[in-house]
C-alpha atoms as a PDB file:
ATOM      1  CA  UNK A   1       2.266  28.355   0.083  1.00  0.00           C
ATOM      2  CA  UNK A   2       4.358  25.659  -1.098  1.00  0.00           C
ATOM      3  CA  UNK A   3       7.526  27.771   0.282  1.00  0.00           C
ATOM      4  CA  UNK A   4       5.916  28.555   2.972  1.00  0.00           C
ATOM      5  CA  UNK A   5       5.033  24.191   3.837  1.00  0.00           C
ATOM      6  CA  UNK A   6       8.871  23.362   2.646  1.00  0.00           C
ATOM      7  CA  UNK A   7      10.103  26.382   5.279  1.00  0.00           C
ATOM      8  CA  UNK A   8       8.669  23.945   7.964  1.00  0.00           C
ATOM      9  CA  UNK A   9      10.683  21.299   6.989  1.00  0.00           C
ATOM     10  CA  UNK A  10      13.746  22.525   7.886  1.00  0.00           C
ATOM     11  CA  UNK A  11      13.320  22.484  11.734  1.00  0.00           C
ATOM     12  CA  UNK A  12      13.266  24.358  15.011  1.00  0.00           C
ATOM     13  CA  UNK A  13      12.747  28.071  13.999  1.00  0.00           C
ATOM     14  CA  UNK A  14       9.487  26.466  12.144  1.00  0.00           C
ATOM     15  CA  UNK A  15       7.923  24.060  15.435  1.00  0.00           C
ATOM     16  CA  UNK A  16       8.605  27.212  17.214  1.00  0.00           C
ATOM     17  CA  UNK A  17       6.488  29.090  15.022  1.00  0.00           C
ATOM     18  CA  UNK A  18       4.370  26.158  14.803  1.00  0.00           C
ATOM     19  CA  UNK A  19       3.834  25.732  18.939  1.00  0.00           C
ATOM     20  CA  UNK A  20       3.383  30.027  19.146  1.00  0.00           C
ATOM     21  CA  UNK A  21       0.470  29.694  16.705  1.00  0.00           C
ATOM     22  CA  UNK A  22      -1.205  26.737  19.663  1.00  0.00           C
ATOM     23  CA  UNK A  23      -0.671  29.101  22.228  1.00  0.00           C
ATOM     24  CA  UNK A  24      -1.969  32.413  20.082  1.00  0.00           C
ATOM     25  CA  UNK A  25      -5.091  29.988  19.917  1.00  0.00           C
ATOM     26  CA  UNK A  26      -5.304  28.566  22.723  1.00  0.00           C
ATOM     27  CA  UNK A  27      -5.098  31.782  24.747  1.00  0.00           C
ATOM     28  CA  UNK A  28      -8.588  32.687  22.645  1.00  0.00           C
ATOM     29  CA  UNK A  29      -6.599  34.973  19.995  1.00  0.00           C
ATOM     30  CA  UNK A  30      -7.462  34.837  16.433  1.00  0.00           C
ATOM     31  CA  UNK A  31      -7.935  30.688  14.809  1.00  0.00           C
ATOM     32  CA  UNK A  32      -6.136  31.051  11.686  1.00  0.00           C
ATOM     33  CA  UNK A  33      -7.054  27.150  11.164  1.00  0.00           C
ATOM     34  CA  UNK A  34      -9.292  25.850   9.059  1.00  0.00           C
ATOM     35  CA  UNK A  35     -12.593  23.326  10.394  1.00  0.00           C
ATOM     36  CA  UNK A  36     -11.540  20.179   9.011  1.00  0.00           C
ATOM     37  CA  UNK A  37     -12.888  16.496   9.755  1.00  0.00           C
ATOM     38  CA  UNK A  38      -9.929  14.825   8.625  1.00  0.00           C
ATOM     39  CA  UNK A  39     -10.406  10.632   8.603  1.00  0.00           C
ATOM     40  CA  UNK A  40      -6.978   9.050   7.460  1.00  0.00           C
ATOM     41  CA  UNK A  41      -3.483  10.651   6.797  1.00  0.00           C
ATOM     42  CA  UNK A  42      -1.153   8.448   5.785  1.00  0.00           C
ATOM     43  CA  UNK A  43       2.195   8.216   4.335  1.00  0.00           C
ATOM     44  CA  UNK A  44       4.524   5.402   2.536  1.00  0.00           C
ATOM     45  CA  UNK A  45       7.119   4.863   0.214  1.00  0.00           C
ATOM     46  CA  UNK A  46       6.381   3.115  -3.078  1.00  0.00           C
ATOM     47  CA  UNK A  47       9.240   0.981  -2.569  1.00  0.00           C
ATOM     48  CA  UNK A  48      10.608  -0.382   0.841  1.00  0.00           C
ATOM     49  CA  UNK A  49      14.189  -0.454  -0.176  1.00  0.00           C
ATOM     50  CA  UNK A  50      16.034   1.093  -2.882  1.00  0.00           C
ATOM     51  CA  UNK A  51      19.615   1.759  -4.047  1.00  0.00           C
ATOM     52  CA  UNK A  52      21.616   4.431  -3.556  1.00  0.00           C
ATOM     53  CA  UNK A  53      21.243   7.861  -5.947  1.00  0.00           C
ATOM     54  CA  UNK A  54      17.988   6.013  -7.194  1.00  0.00           C
ATOM     55  CA  UNK A  55      14.593   7.923  -7.616  1.00  0.00           C
ATOM     56  CA  UNK A  56      11.732   6.973  -5.844  1.00  0.00           C
ATOM     57  CA  UNK A  57       8.207   8.245  -4.395  1.00  0.00           C
ATOM     58  CA  UNK A  58       6.762   8.953  -1.167  1.00  0.00           C
ATOM     59  CA  UNK A  59       3.465   9.598  -1.287  1.00  0.00           C
ATOM     60  CA  UNK A  60       1.579  11.547   1.684  1.00  0.00           C
ATOM     61  CA  UNK A  61      -2.494  10.509   1.703  1.00  0.00           C
ATOM     62  CA  UNK A  62      -5.342  13.052   3.082  1.00  0.00           C
ATOM     63  CA  UNK A  63      -8.828  12.066   3.058  1.00  0.00           C
ATOM     64  CA  UNK A  64     -11.311  15.373   4.664  1.00  0.00           C
ATOM     65  CA  UNK A  65     -14.766  14.600   5.040  1.00  0.00           C
ATOM     66  CA  UNK A  66     -15.921  18.025   3.895  1.00  0.00           C
ATOM     67  CA  UNK A  67     -15.524  19.127  -0.350  1.00  0.00           C
ATOM     68  CA  UNK A  68     -12.188  20.887  -0.309  1.00  0.00           C
ATOM     69  CA  UNK A  69     -10.320  22.238  -3.224  1.00  0.00           C
ATOM     70  CA  UNK A  70      -7.154  22.878  -2.071  1.00  0.00           C
ATOM     71  CA  UNK A  71      -5.052  21.444   1.181  1.00  0.00           C
ATOM     72  CA  UNK A  72      -2.259  24.409   1.901  1.00  0.00           C
ATOM     73  CA  UNK A  73      -2.197  23.652   5.634  1.00  0.00           C
ATOM     74  CA  UNK A  74      -0.455  19.922   4.631  1.00  0.00           C
ATOM     75  CA  UNK A  75       3.340  20.417   6.443  1.00  0.00           C
ATOM     76  CA  UNK A  76       5.381  18.119   4.666  1.00  0.00           C
ATOM     77  CA  UNK A  77       8.015  15.937   6.576  1.00  0.00           C
ATOM     78  CA  UNK A  78      11.910  16.582   7.581  1.00  0.00           C
ATOM     79  CA  UNK A  79      14.024  14.402   5.337  1.00  0.00           C
ATOM     80  CA  UNK A  80      17.223  12.774   6.272  1.00  0.00           C
ATOM     81  CA  UNK A  81      19.422  10.907   3.511  1.00  0.00           C
ATOM     82  CA  UNK A  82      16.955  11.893   1.012  1.00  0.00           C
ATOM     83  CA  UNK A  83      16.998  14.636  -2.002  1.00  0.00           C
ATOM     84  CA  UNK A  84      13.414  16.134  -2.542  1.00  0.00           C
ATOM     85  CA  UNK A  85      13.597  16.246  -6.371  1.00  0.00           C
ATOM     86  CA  UNK A  86      10.097  17.881  -6.482  1.00  0.00           C
ATOM     87  CA  UNK A  87       6.494  17.703  -5.516  1.00  0.00           C
ATOM     88  CA  UNK A  88       3.378  16.254  -7.683  1.00  0.00           C
ATOM     89  CA  UNK A  89       0.163  17.582  -5.766  1.00  0.00           C
ATOM     90  CA  UNK A  90      -3.493  15.488  -6.825  1.00  0.00           C
ATOM     91  CA  UNK A  91      -6.728  15.936  -5.566  1.00  0.00           C
ATOM     92  CA  UNK A  92      -9.251  13.457  -5.878  1.00  0.00           C
ATOM     93  CA  UNK A  93     -13.358  13.646  -5.017  1.00  0.00           C
ATOM     94  CA  UNK A  94     -13.856  10.440  -3.272  1.00  0.00           C
ATOM     95  CA  UNK A  95     -16.830   8.532  -3.987  1.00  0.00           C
ATOM     96  CA  UNK A  96     -18.306   8.202  -0.458  1.00  0.00           C
ATOM     97  CA  UNK A  97     -18.122  11.656  -0.353  1.00  0.00           C
ATOM     98  CA  UNK A  98     -15.206  14.179   0.973  1.00  0.00           C
ATOM     99  CA  UNK A  99     -11.901  14.883  -0.838  1.00  0.00           C
ATOM    100  CA  UNK A 100      -8.573  13.080  -1.200  1.00  0.00           C
ATOM    101  CA  UNK A 101      -5.908  14.442  -1.280  1.00  0.00           C
ATOM    102  CA  UNK A 102      -2.303  13.035  -2.638  1.00  0.00           C
ATOM    103  CA  UNK A 103       1.287  14.755  -2.226  1.00  0.00           C
ATOM    104  CA  UNK A 104       3.561  12.628  -3.982  1.00  0.00           C
ATOM    105  CA  UNK A 105       7.197  13.536  -3.459  1.00  0.00           C
ATOM    106  CA  UNK A 106      10.106  12.368  -6.129  1.00  0.00           C
ATOM    107  CA  UNK A 107      13.163  11.941  -3.968  1.00  0.00           C
ATOM    108  CA  UNK A 108      16.553  10.102  -3.685  1.00  0.00           C
ATOM    109  CA  UNK A 109      18.947   9.173  -1.759  1.00  0.00           C
ATOM    110  CA  UNK A 110      22.613  10.071  -1.851  1.00  0.00           C
ATOM    111  CA  UNK A 111      24.285   7.402   0.840  1.00  0.00           C
ATOM    112  CA  UNK A 112      24.068   3.633   1.685  1.00  0.00           C
ATOM    113  CA  UNK A 113      22.097   2.923   4.953  1.00  0.00           C
ATOM    114  CA  UNK A 114      19.255   4.922   5.672  1.00  0.00           C
ATOM    115  CA  UNK A 115      16.507   7.588   4.460  1.00  0.00           C
ATOM    116  CA  UNK A 116      14.500   9.396   6.989  1.00  0.00           C
ATOM    117  CA  UNK A 117      11.523  10.863   6.736  1.00  0.00           C
ATOM    118  CA  UNK A 118       9.914  12.467   9.768  1.00  0.00           C
ATOM    119  CA  UNK A 119       5.483  12.384  10.312  1.00  0.00           C
ATOM    120  CA  UNK A 120       3.537  14.501   8.416  1.00  0.00           C
ATOM    121  CA  UNK A 121       1.072  17.021   9.532  1.00  0.00           C
ATOM    122  CA  UNK A 122      -1.955  18.837   9.280  1.00  0.00           C
ATOM    123  CA  UNK A 123      -3.333  21.811  12.106  1.00  0.00           C
ATOM    124  CA  UNK A 124      -7.042  22.188  12.063  1.00  0.00           C
ATOM    125  CA  UNK A 125     -10.343  23.045  14.195  1.00  0.00           C
ATOM    126  CA  UNK A 126     -11.727  19.509  14.359  1.00  0.00           C
ATOM    127  CA  UNK A 127     -15.759  20.567  13.844  1.00  0.00           C
ATOM    128  CA  UNK A 128     -16.711  18.043  16.062  1.00  0.00           C
ATOM    129  CA  UNK A 129     -15.135  19.605  19.445  1.00  0.00           C
ATOM    130  CA  UNK A 130     -14.109  23.135  18.152  1.00  0.00           C
ATOM    131  CA  UNK A 131     -10.475  22.388  19.235  1.00  0.00           C
ATOM    132  CA  UNK A 132      -7.462  22.715  17.394  1.00  0.00           C
ATOM    133  CA  UNK A 133      -6.263  18.879  16.664  1.00  0.00           C
ATOM    134  CA  UNK A 134      -2.533  18.047  15.228  1.00  0.00           C
ATOM    135  CA  UNK A 135      -3.507  14.865  12.605  1.00  0.00           C
ATOM    136  CA  UNK A 136       0.117  13.182  11.772  1.00  0.00           C
ATOM    137  CA  UNK A 137       0.803  10.454  10.217  1.00  0.00           C
ATOM    138  CA  UNK A 138       3.587   7.682  10.968  1.00  0.00           C
ATOM    139  CA  UNK A 139       7.259   8.647  10.384  1.00  0.00           C
ATOM    140  CA  UNK A 140       8.957   6.552   7.809  1.00  0.00           C
ATOM    141  CA  UNK A 141      11.499   5.315   6.767  1.00  0.00           C
ATOM    142  CA  UNK A 142      13.376   3.660   3.838  1.00  0.00           C
ATOM    143  CA  UNK A 143      16.371   1.340   3.609  1.00  0.00           C
ATOM    144  CA  UNK A 144      19.334   2.759   1.027  1.00  0.00           C
ATOM    145  CA  UNK A 145      21.269  -0.446  -0.424  1.00  0.00           C
ATOM    146  CA  UNK A 146      24.705   0.072  -2.343  1.00  0.00           C
ATOM    147  CA  UNK A 147      24.416   1.714  -5.701  1.00  0.00           C
ATOM    148  CA  UNK A 148      25.081  -1.246  -8.749  1.00  0.00           C
ATOM    149  CA  UNK A 149      28.612  -1.440  -8.885  1.00  0.00           C
ATOM    150  CA  UNK A 150      30.154  -0.643  -6.210  1.00  0.00           C
ATOM    151  CA  UNK A 151      31.839  -3.943  -3.686  1.00  0.00           C
ATOM    152  CA  UNK A 152      29.222  -4.162  -1.610  1.00  0.00           C
ATOM    153  CA  UNK A 153      26.338  -4.821  -4.736  1.00  0.00           C
ATOM    154  CA  UNK A 154      28.685  -7.286  -6.112  1.00  0.00           C
ATOM    155  CA  UNK A 155      29.235  -8.977  -2.550  1.00  0.00           C
ATOM    156  CA  UNK A 156      25.104  -9.793  -2.940  1.00  0.00           C
ATOM    157  CA  UNK A 157      25.216 -10.286  -6.510  1.00  0.00           C
ATOM    158  CA  UNK A 158      27.207 -13.004  -5.480  1.00  0.00           C
ATOM    159  CA  UNK A 159      25.457 -14.372  -2.298  1.00  0.00           C
ATOM    160  CA  UNK A 160      21.818 -13.856  -4.101  1.00  0.00           C
ATOM    161  CA  UNK A 161      23.999 -16.460  -7.418  1.00  0.00           C
ATOM    162  CA  UNK A 162      24.781 -18.864  -4.718  1.00  0.00           C
ATOM    163  CA  UNK A 163      21.754 -19.030  -3.070  1.00  0.00           C
ATOM    164  CA  UNK A 164      19.607 -19.608  -6.511  1.00  0.00           C
ATOM    165  CA  UNK A 165      21.912 -22.502  -7.386  1.00  0.00           C
ATOM    166  CA  UNK A 166      21.155 -24.211  -4.443  1.00  0.00           C
ATOM    167  CA  UNK A 167      17.307 -23.518  -4.595  1.00  0.00           C
ATOM    168  CA  UNK A 168      17.799 -24.853  -8.024  1.00  0.00           C
ATOM    169  CA  UNK A 169      19.442 -27.994  -7.045  1.00  0.00           C
ATOM    170  CA  UNK A 170      17.238 -28.188  -4.289  1.00  0.00           C
ATOM    171  CA  UNK A 171      13.861 -28.023  -5.092  1.00  0.00           C
ATOM    172  CA  UNK A 172      14.939 -29.216  -9.009  1.00  0.00           C
ATOM    173  CA  UNK A 173      15.607 -32.682  -7.163  1.00  0.00           C
ATOM    174  CA  UNK A 174      12.359 -32.921  -5.305  1.00  0.00           C
ATOM    175  CA  UNK A 175      10.382 -32.150  -8.206  1.00  0.00           C
ATOM    176  CA  UNK A 176      12.031 -34.933 -10.173  1.00  0.00           C
ATOM    177  CA  UNK A 177      11.881 -37.039  -7.194  1.00  0.00           C
ATOM    178  CA  UNK A 178       8.391 -36.198  -6.764  1.00  0.00           C
ATOM    179  CA  UNK A 179       7.949 -37.600 -10.794  1.00  0.00           C
ATOM    180  CA  UNK A 180       9.612 -40.916 -10.711  1.00  0.00           C
ATOM    181  CA  UNK A 181       8.355 -42.378  -7.536  1.00  0.00           C
ATOM    182  CA  UNK A 182       4.833 -41.951  -8.396  1.00  0.00           C
ATOM    183  CA  UNK A 183       5.767 -43.391 -11.672  1.00  0.00           C
ATOM    184  CA  UNK A 184       7.872 -46.472 -10.156  1.00  0.00           C
ATOM    185  CA  UNK A 185       5.104 -47.390  -7.784  1.00  0.00           C
ATOM    186  CA  UNK A 186       2.825 -47.384 -10.831  1.00  0.00           C
ATOM    187  CA  UNK A 187       4.562 -49.491 -12.834  1.00  0.00           C
ATOM    188  CA  UNK A 188       5.173 -52.272 -10.126  1.00  0.00           C
ATOM    189  CA  UNK A 189       1.375 -52.312  -9.440  1.00  0.00           C
ATOM    190  CA  UNK A 190      -0.268 -56.129 -10.449  1.00  0.00           C
ATOM    191  CA  UNK A 191      -2.116 -55.527 -12.990  1.00  0.00           C
ATOM    192  CA  UNK A 192      -5.932 -56.535 -12.397  1.00  0.00           C
ATOM    193  CA  UNK A 193      -7.963 -58.344 -15.314  1.00  0.00           C
ATOM    194  CA  UNK A 194     -10.819 -56.116 -17.000  1.00  0.00           C
ATOM    195  CA  UNK A 195     -13.990 -58.441 -17.771  1.00  0.00           C
ATOM    196  CA  UNK A 196     -14.440 -57.471 -21.566  1.00  0.00           C
ATOM    197  CA  UNK A 197     -18.043 -56.612 -21.510  1.00  0.00           C
ATOM    198  CA  UNK A 198     -17.820 -54.698 -18.493  1.00  0.00           C
ATOM    199  CA  UNK A 199     -20.234 -52.072 -18.994  1.00  0.00           C
ATOM    200  CA  UNK A 200     -19.934 -49.741 -15.687  1.00  0.00           C
ATOM    201  CA  UNK A 201     -20.338 -46.644 -16.554  1.00  0.00           C
ATOM    202  CA  UNK A 202     -16.845 -44.484 -15.444  1.00  0.00           C
ATOM    203  CA  UNK A 203     -17.361 -42.681 -12.137  1.00  0.00           C
ATOM    204  CA  UNK A 204     -17.180 -38.891 -12.648  1.00  0.00           C
ATOM    205  CA  UNK A 205     -14.976 -36.719 -10.736  1.00  0.00           C
ATOM    206  CA  UNK A 206     -15.630 -33.322  -9.386  1.00  0.00           C
ATOM    207  CA  UNK A 207     -14.508 -30.427 -11.091  1.00  0.00           C
ATOM    208  CA  UNK A 208     -13.567 -28.513  -8.327  1.00  0.00           C
ATOM    209  CA  UNK A 209     -13.720 -24.333  -9.380  1.00  0.00           C
ATOM    210  CA  UNK A 210     -10.708 -22.457  -9.939  1.00  0.00           C
ATOM    211  CA  UNK A 211      -8.786 -20.501  -7.122  1.00  0.00           C
ATOM    212  CA  UNK A 212      -9.643 -17.035  -7.309  1.00  0.00           C
ATOM    213  CA  UNK A 213      -6.272 -14.896  -5.790  1.00  0.00           C
ATOM    214  CA  UNK A 214      -8.698 -11.994  -4.739  1.00  0.00           C
ATOM    215  CA  UNK A 215     -11.457 -14.018  -2.952  1.00  0.00           C
ATOM    216  CA  UNK A 216      -8.443 -15.952  -1.095  1.00  0.00           C
ATOM    217  CA  UNK A 217      -6.516 -12.450  -0.334  1.00  0.00           C
ATOM    218  CA  UNK A 218     -10.018 -11.217   1.269  1.00  0.00           C
ATOM    219  CA  UNK A 219     -10.328 -14.420   3.048  1.00  0.00           C
ATOM    220  CA  UNK A 220      -7.335 -14.116   4.494  1.00  0.00           C
ATOM    221  CA  UNK A 221      -7.542 -10.392   5.355  1.00  0.00           C
ATOM    222  CA  UNK A 222     -10.852 -11.808   8.022  1.00  0.00           C
ATOM    223  CA  UNK A 223      -8.906 -14.404   9.202  1.00  0.00           C
ATOM    224  CA  UNK A 224      -5.812 -12.104  10.111  1.00  0.00           C
ATOM    225  CA  UNK A 225      -6.797  -8.337   9.900  1.00  0.00           C
ATOM    226  CA  UNK A 226      -2.914  -7.344  10.283  1.00  0.00           C
ATOM    227  CA  UNK A 227      -0.937  -5.313   7.632  1.00  0.00           C
ATOM    228  CA  UNK A 228       1.014  -7.735   5.266  1.00  0.00           C
ATOM    229  CA  UNK A 229      -2.370  -9.311   4.568  1.00  0.00           C
ATOM    230  CA  UNK A 230      -4.266  -5.665   3.778  1.00  0.00           C
ATOM    231  CA  UNK A 231      -1.225  -5.504   1.715  1.00  0.00           C
ATOM    232  CA  UNK A 232      -1.554  -8.120  -0.190  1.00  0.00           C
ATOM    233  CA  UNK A 233      -5.013  -7.264  -0.877  1.00  0.00           C
ATOM    234  CA  UNK A 234      -4.511  -3.590  -1.749  1.00  0.00           C
ATOM    235  CA  UNK A 235      -1.766  -5.181  -4.698  1.00  0.00           C
ATOM    236  CA  UNK A 236      -4.887  -7.630  -6.433  1.00  0.00           C
ATOM    237  CA  UNK A 237      -7.171  -4.538  -6.308  1.00  0.00           C
ATOM    238  CA  UNK A 238      -4.140  -2.335  -7.899  1.00  0.00           C
ATOM    239  CA  UNK A 239      -3.743  -5.181 -10.348  1.00  0.00           C
ATOM    240  CA  UNK A 240      -7.308  -6.090 -10.908  1.00  0.00           C
ATOM    241  CA  UNK A 241      -7.372  -1.807 -12.069  1.00  0.00           C
ATOM    242  CA  UNK A 242      -4.515  -2.690 -14.347  1.00  0.00           C
ATOM    243  CA  UNK A 243      -2.197  -0.936 -12.635  1.00  0.00           C
ATOM    244  CA  UNK A 244       1.459  -1.660 -12.227  1.00  0.00           C
ATOM    245  CA  UNK A 245       3.138  -3.403  -9.045  1.00  0.00           C
ATOM    246  CA  UNK A 246       4.119  -0.644  -6.848  1.00  0.00           C
ATOM    247  CA  UNK A 247       1.753   2.124  -8.300  1.00  0.00           C
ATOM    248  CA  UNK A 248       0.259   4.613  -6.108  1.00  0.00           C
ATOM    249  CA  UNK A 249      -3.480   4.922  -5.181  1.00  0.00           C
ATOM    250  CA  UNK A 250      -3.478   7.513  -8.026  1.00  0.00           C
ATOM    251  CA  UNK A 251      -1.953   5.605 -10.193  1.00  0.00           C
ATOM    252  CA  UNK A 252      -4.582   2.829  -9.660  1.00  0.00           C
ATOM    253  CA  UNK A 253      -7.409   5.008 -10.010  1.00  0.00           C
ATOM    254  CA  UNK A 254      -6.297   6.842 -12.998  1.00  0.00           C
ATOM    255  CA  UNK A 255      -5.924   3.301 -14.300  1.00  0.00           C
ATOM    256  CA  UNK A 256      -9.653   2.475 -13.774  1.00  0.00           C
ATOM    257  CA  UNK A 257     -10.943   5.675 -14.454  1.00  0.00           C
ATOM    258  CA  UNK A 258     -14.760   5.164 -14.642  1.00  0.00           C
ATOM    259  CA  UNK A 259     -15.396   1.034 -16.209  1.00  0.00           C
ATOM    260  CA  UNK A 260     -15.184   0.106 -12.905  1.00  0.00           C
ATOM    261  CA  UNK A 261     -16.502   2.645  -9.325  1.00  0.00           C
ATOM    262  CA  UNK A 262     -16.990  -0.228  -7.527  1.00  0.00           C
ATOM    263  CA  UNK A 263     -13.237  -0.972  -7.675  1.00  0.00           C
ATOM    264  CA  UNK A 264     -12.325   2.334  -7.653  1.00  0.00           C
ATOM    265  CA  UNK A 265     -14.091   2.898  -3.792  1.00  0.00           C
ATOM    266  CA  UNK A 266     -12.647  -0.468  -2.181  1.00  0.00           C
ATOM    267  CA  UNK A 267      -9.086   0.746  -3.332  1.00  0.00           C
ATOM    268  CA  UNK A 268     -10.127   3.995  -1.421  1.00  0.00           C
ATOM    269  CA  UNK A 269     -11.487   2.388   1.521  1.00  0.00           C
ATOM    270  CA  UNK A 270      -8.405  -0.083   1.702  1.00  0.00           C
ATOM    271  CA  UNK A 271      -5.790   3.279   1.555  1.00  0.00           C
ATOM    272  CA  UNK A 272      -7.461   4.242   4.179  1.00  0.00           C
ATOM    273  CA  UNK A 273      -7.831   0.712   6.271  1.00  0.00           C
ATOM    274  CA  UNK A 274      -4.142   0.810   6.261  1.00  0.00           C
ATOM    275  CA  UNK A 275      -2.853   4.298   6.694  1.00  0.00           C
ATOM    276  CA  UNK A 276      -5.645   5.712   8.639  1.00  0.00           C
ATOM    277  CA  UNK A 277      -4.790   7.108  12.289  1.00  0.00           C
ATOM    278  CA  UNK A 278      -5.108   3.886  14.442  1.00  0.00           C
ATOM    279  CA  UNK A 279      -8.615   4.790  15.848  1.00  0.00           C
ATOM    280  CA  UNK A 280     -10.187   4.656  12.358  1.00  0.00           C
ATOM    281  CA  UNK A 281      -9.064   2.155  11.211  1.00  0.00           C
ATOM    282  CA  UNK A 282     -11.974  -1.016  12.549  1.00  0.00           C
ATOM    283  CA  UNK A 283     -14.583   1.702  11.119  1.00  0.00           C
ATOM    284  CA  UNK A 284     -12.633   1.642   7.779  1.00  0.00           C
ATOM    285  CA  UNK A 285     -12.329  -2.087   8.027  1.00  0.00           C
ATOM    286  CA  UNK A 286     -15.788  -3.183   8.461  1.00  0.00           C
ATOM    287  CA  UNK A 287     -16.447  -0.113   5.564  1.00  0.00           C
ATOM    288  CA  UNK A 288     -13.900  -1.931   3.295  1.00  0.00           C
ATOM    289  CA  UNK A 289     -15.339  -4.994   3.883  1.00  0.00           C
ATOM    290  CA  UNK A 290     -19.072  -4.242   2.886  1.00  0.00           C
ATOM    291  CA  UNK A 291     -17.434  -2.343  -0.237  1.00  0.00           C
ATOM    292  CA  UNK A 292     -15.788  -5.650  -1.265  1.00  0.00           C
ATOM    293  CA  UNK A 293     -18.909  -7.251  -1.222  1.00  0.00           C
ATOM    294  CA  UNK A 294     -20.023  -5.368  -3.664  1.00  0.00           C
ATOM    295  CA  UNK A 295     -17.186  -5.291  -5.756  1.00  0.00           C
ATOM    296  CA  UNK A 296     -17.490  -9.307  -6.429  1.00  0.00           C
ATOM    297  CA  UNK A 297     -20.911  -8.692  -7.077  1.00  0.00           C
ATOM    298  CA  UNK A 298     -20.925  -6.703  -9.832  1.00  0.00           C
ATOM    299  CA  UNK A 299     -19.113  -8.259 -12.264  1.00  0.00           C
ATOM    300  CA  UNK A 300     -16.903 -11.394 -13.313  1.00  0.00           C
ATOM    301  CA  UNK A 301     -14.369 -11.936 -10.370  1.00  0.00           C
ATOM    302  CA  UNK A 302     -10.453 -11.314 -12.028  1.00  0.00           C
ATOM    303  CA  UNK A 303      -7.437 -10.689 -10.588  1.00  0.00           C
END
């Protein structure tokens, strides 16, 4: 089946075959599509920009409401300026029911510019309406920079060093001024006489609680509700799980294991809220806030 899926990526003949199957179903022929209720189908890269020749990963996530052992019906994207070095398929039983499937493609882009990936999709019969539907992800693009050591890379490094020196001089000067100005004001302030027997107790200053990055990220997402604030929240959840920066959901779920089911559930729902179909993101977001409330009550908050 993996070979059949890869053959779809070659283009015209496979697309014509897919339309022929759809026409056969519409005409009342044998319906070979599975009956699936798919609530999320998303595709993302672990890095938005890479160097030419560098390997990176494209992860396709599909959430099926039913319990299922395989998802051979997933059609992988067509690659432009990208070479498929190998695929890895993972299956995770979702804590709230259903099954999450992950197709992780290891790819490399040989030329600077842009690598593009067409939509991944699944053709299935929706049990709610009894009709065949095509569930598709969004298309994806990754910026490809020149390989390290090339002329363009040297220019970029030079500009980066110049910008860094500029920032160091600017912010360093501001930091010194921020220290010296209050010190000068204190030294010039006239001294006041304090009575020798003044027994007035000092006024205790309130101790403010430390800022919790996770709660701050949740509050920012509640206020803004956009993709960047959701990405920041997902990154903090992954870090809390013990995964490295840029890890996939599968990596984060493996890192947390069974020690924190509430965290695993919140990360899974956050993935659906970020990469699920637009028509279902609102419901997934509400479910995410409920999962986060449970997460914050299960133990000490740590970033």
